[in-house]
N, C-alpha and C. Protein backbone atom coordinates (compact mmCIF):
# COMPACT_ATOMS: atom_id res chain seq x y z
N MET A 1 0.84 -1.18 0.00
CA MET A 1 0.00 0.00 0.00
C MET A 1 0.89 1.24 0.00
N SER A 2 0.61 2.18 -0.85
CA SER A 2 1.38 3.42 -0.96
C SER A 2 0.94 4.43 0.09
N THR A 3 1.84 5.34 0.39
CA THR A 3 1.55 6.42 1.31
C THR A 3 1.96 7.74 0.66
N THR A 4 1.21 8.81 0.93
CA THR A 4 1.54 10.12 0.39
C THR A 4 1.82 11.07 1.55
N THR A 5 2.95 11.78 1.45
CA THR A 5 3.37 12.73 2.48
C THR A 5 3.62 14.08 1.84
N ALA A 6 3.16 15.14 2.49
CA ALA A 6 3.36 16.50 1.99
C ALA A 6 4.50 17.16 2.75
N TYR A 7 5.33 17.87 2.00
CA TYR A 7 6.47 18.60 2.55
C TYR A 7 6.41 20.03 2.08
N GLY A 8 6.97 20.95 2.86
CA GLY A 8 7.10 22.33 2.45
C GLY A 8 8.51 22.58 1.95
N VAL A 9 8.63 23.31 0.85
CA VAL A 9 9.94 23.63 0.28
C VAL A 9 9.99 25.12 -0.02
N ASP A 10 11.01 25.79 0.52
CA ASP A 10 11.21 27.22 0.27
C ASP A 10 12.24 27.42 -0.83
N GLY A 11 12.07 28.51 -1.58
CA GLY A 11 13.05 28.93 -2.57
C GLY A 11 12.72 28.58 -4.00
N MET A 12 11.64 27.88 -4.24
CA MET A 12 11.28 27.48 -5.60
C MET A 12 10.54 28.63 -6.29
N THR A 13 10.91 28.90 -7.57
CA THR A 13 10.28 30.02 -8.28
C THR A 13 9.79 29.70 -9.69
N CYS A 14 10.16 28.52 -10.24
CA CYS A 14 9.84 28.28 -11.64
C CYS A 14 9.76 26.78 -11.95
N SER A 15 9.49 26.48 -13.22
CA SER A 15 9.38 25.08 -13.63
C SER A 15 10.71 24.34 -13.52
N HIS A 16 11.83 25.04 -13.68
CA HIS A 16 13.14 24.40 -13.49
C HIS A 16 13.31 23.96 -12.04
N CYS A 17 12.84 24.77 -11.11
CA CYS A 17 12.89 24.42 -9.69
C CYS A 17 12.08 23.14 -9.44
N ILE A 18 10.90 23.09 -10.02
CA ILE A 18 10.04 21.91 -9.88
C ILE A 18 10.75 20.68 -10.41
N ALA A 19 11.36 20.81 -11.59
CA ALA A 19 12.05 19.68 -12.21
C ALA A 19 13.22 19.20 -11.35
N SER A 20 13.97 20.13 -10.78
CA SER A 20 15.13 19.77 -9.95
C SER A 20 14.71 19.02 -8.69
N VAL A 21 13.72 19.54 -8.00
CA VAL A 21 13.25 18.90 -6.77
C VAL A 21 12.63 17.54 -7.09
N THR A 22 11.82 17.48 -8.14
CA THR A 22 11.19 16.22 -8.55
C THR A 22 12.24 15.16 -8.87
N GLU A 23 13.26 15.54 -9.61
CA GLU A 23 14.32 14.59 -9.99
C GLU A 23 15.05 14.04 -8.76
N GLU A 24 15.42 14.92 -7.83
CA GLU A 24 16.17 14.48 -6.65
C GLU A 24 15.33 13.58 -5.75
N ILE A 25 14.07 13.95 -5.50
CA ILE A 25 13.22 13.13 -4.63
C ILE A 25 12.87 11.82 -5.32
N SER A 26 12.62 11.85 -6.62
CA SER A 26 12.27 10.63 -7.35
C SER A 26 13.39 9.60 -7.31
N ALA A 27 14.62 10.04 -7.10
CA ALA A 27 15.76 9.13 -7.05
C ALA A 27 15.83 8.36 -5.73
N LEU A 28 15.05 8.77 -4.73
CA LEU A 28 15.07 8.07 -3.46
C LEU A 28 14.41 6.70 -3.58
N ALA A 29 14.99 5.71 -2.93
CA ALA A 29 14.43 4.36 -2.95
C ALA A 29 13.02 4.37 -2.38
N GLY A 30 12.08 3.81 -3.11
CA GLY A 30 10.69 3.73 -2.67
C GLY A 30 9.80 4.84 -3.18
N ALA A 31 10.39 5.93 -3.67
CA ALA A 31 9.58 7.04 -4.19
C ALA A 31 8.89 6.61 -5.47
N GLU A 32 7.59 6.85 -5.56
CA GLU A 32 6.80 6.45 -6.73
C GLU A 32 6.40 7.64 -7.59
N SER A 33 6.02 8.75 -6.95
CA SER A 33 5.65 9.94 -7.71
C SER A 33 5.83 11.18 -6.84
N VAL A 34 6.06 12.31 -7.52
CA VAL A 34 6.25 13.58 -6.84
C VAL A 34 5.41 14.62 -7.57
N THR A 35 4.61 15.37 -6.83
CA THR A 35 3.86 16.48 -7.41
C THR A 35 4.18 17.74 -6.62
N VAL A 36 4.22 18.86 -7.32
CA VAL A 36 4.59 20.13 -6.69
C VAL A 36 3.52 21.17 -6.95
N ASN A 37 3.09 21.84 -5.88
CA ASN A 37 2.21 23.00 -5.98
C ASN A 37 3.11 24.21 -5.72
N LEU A 38 3.56 24.85 -6.80
CA LEU A 38 4.51 25.96 -6.72
C LEU A 38 3.86 27.21 -6.14
N VAL A 39 4.51 27.78 -5.12
CA VAL A 39 4.10 29.05 -4.54
C VAL A 39 5.32 29.96 -4.63
N THR A 40 5.36 30.78 -5.68
CA THR A 40 6.50 31.68 -5.89
C THR A 40 6.59 32.68 -4.74
N GLY A 41 7.76 32.76 -4.14
CA GLY A 41 7.97 33.69 -3.03
C GLY A 41 7.44 33.18 -1.71
N GLY A 42 7.01 31.93 -1.67
CA GLY A 42 6.49 31.35 -0.44
C GLY A 42 6.91 29.90 -0.30
N THR A 43 6.16 29.17 0.46
CA THR A 43 6.45 27.76 0.68
C THR A 43 5.63 26.91 -0.28
N SER A 44 6.32 26.21 -1.16
CA SER A 44 5.66 25.31 -2.11
C SER A 44 5.36 24.00 -1.42
N GLN A 45 4.26 23.35 -1.81
CA GLN A 45 3.92 22.05 -1.26
C GLN A 45 4.36 20.96 -2.22
N VAL A 46 5.15 20.03 -1.71
CA VAL A 46 5.64 18.91 -2.48
C VAL A 46 5.03 17.63 -1.89
N SER A 47 4.23 16.93 -2.69
CA SER A 47 3.60 15.69 -2.24
C SER A 47 4.35 14.51 -2.84
N VAL A 48 4.74 13.59 -1.97
CA VAL A 48 5.52 12.43 -2.40
C VAL A 48 4.75 11.17 -2.08
N THR A 49 4.47 10.38 -3.12
CA THR A 49 3.85 9.07 -2.94
C THR A 49 4.97 8.04 -2.99
N SER A 50 4.97 7.16 -2.00
CA SER A 50 6.03 6.17 -1.90
C SER A 50 5.48 4.85 -1.39
N ALA A 51 6.28 3.80 -1.59
CA ALA A 51 5.88 2.46 -1.18
C ALA A 51 5.69 2.41 0.34
N SER A 52 6.53 3.11 1.07
CA SER A 52 6.41 3.24 2.52
C SER A 52 6.91 4.64 2.88
N LYS A 53 6.67 5.07 4.10
CA LYS A 53 7.06 6.42 4.51
C LYS A 53 8.57 6.58 4.35
N LEU A 54 8.97 7.66 3.67
CA LEU A 54 10.38 7.95 3.46
C LEU A 54 10.99 8.59 4.69
N ASP A 55 12.27 8.37 4.90
CA ASP A 55 13.01 9.00 5.99
C ASP A 55 13.05 10.51 5.72
N PRO A 56 12.50 11.33 6.62
CA PRO A 56 12.49 12.78 6.40
C PRO A 56 13.90 13.36 6.17
N ALA A 57 14.91 12.78 6.79
CA ALA A 57 16.28 13.27 6.60
C ALA A 57 16.74 13.05 5.16
N LEU A 58 16.33 11.93 4.56
CA LEU A 58 16.68 11.66 3.16
C LEU A 58 15.96 12.62 2.22
N VAL A 59 14.70 12.91 2.53
CA VAL A 59 13.94 13.86 1.72
C VAL A 59 14.57 15.25 1.83
N ALA A 60 14.94 15.65 3.05
CA ALA A 60 15.58 16.95 3.25
C ALA A 60 16.89 17.04 2.48
N ALA A 61 17.68 15.96 2.51
CA ALA A 61 18.95 15.94 1.79
C ALA A 61 18.73 16.04 0.29
N ALA A 62 17.70 15.37 -0.23
CA ALA A 62 17.40 15.43 -1.66
C ALA A 62 16.98 16.84 -2.06
N VAL A 63 16.17 17.49 -1.24
CA VAL A 63 15.73 18.85 -1.51
C VAL A 63 16.92 19.80 -1.48
N GLU A 64 17.81 19.62 -0.50
CA GLU A 64 19.00 20.46 -0.40
C GLU A 64 19.93 20.23 -1.59
N GLU A 65 20.04 19.00 -2.05
CA GLU A 65 20.86 18.70 -3.23
C GLU A 65 20.34 19.46 -4.45
N ALA A 66 19.03 19.64 -4.52
CA ALA A 66 18.42 20.38 -5.62
C ALA A 66 18.61 21.89 -5.46
N GLY A 67 19.05 22.33 -4.26
CA GLY A 67 19.31 23.75 -4.03
C GLY A 67 18.24 24.48 -3.26
N TYR A 68 17.39 23.73 -2.55
CA TYR A 68 16.28 24.36 -1.83
C TYR A 68 16.26 23.88 -0.39
N ARG A 69 15.28 24.33 0.38
CA ARG A 69 15.23 24.02 1.81
C ARG A 69 13.87 23.45 2.19
N LEU A 70 13.90 22.32 2.89
CA LEU A 70 12.68 21.69 3.40
C LEU A 70 12.25 22.44 4.66
N VAL A 71 10.96 22.79 4.73
CA VAL A 71 10.42 23.51 5.89
C VAL A 71 9.07 22.89 6.27
N ALA A 72 8.61 23.21 7.46
CA ALA A 72 7.29 22.74 7.89
C ALA A 72 6.20 23.45 7.10
N LEU A 73 5.12 22.73 6.81
CA LEU A 73 3.99 23.35 6.10
C LEU A 73 3.12 24.14 7.05
């Protein structure tokens, strides 16, 4: 059974930002899909569907690798 978790990401402003974050999170083991609700100048919501709940530290590291910051929603 899949699970979906929402994360807040600061610093995203465009479709390239969405692509970068999606690529990094999608590379995590167990990640099935990533959707982003872009909020320019604010906290974007990133929803991750995965086979089981992902380690938040791994998600944060993936977001940071893309050049952004994971924050509370």
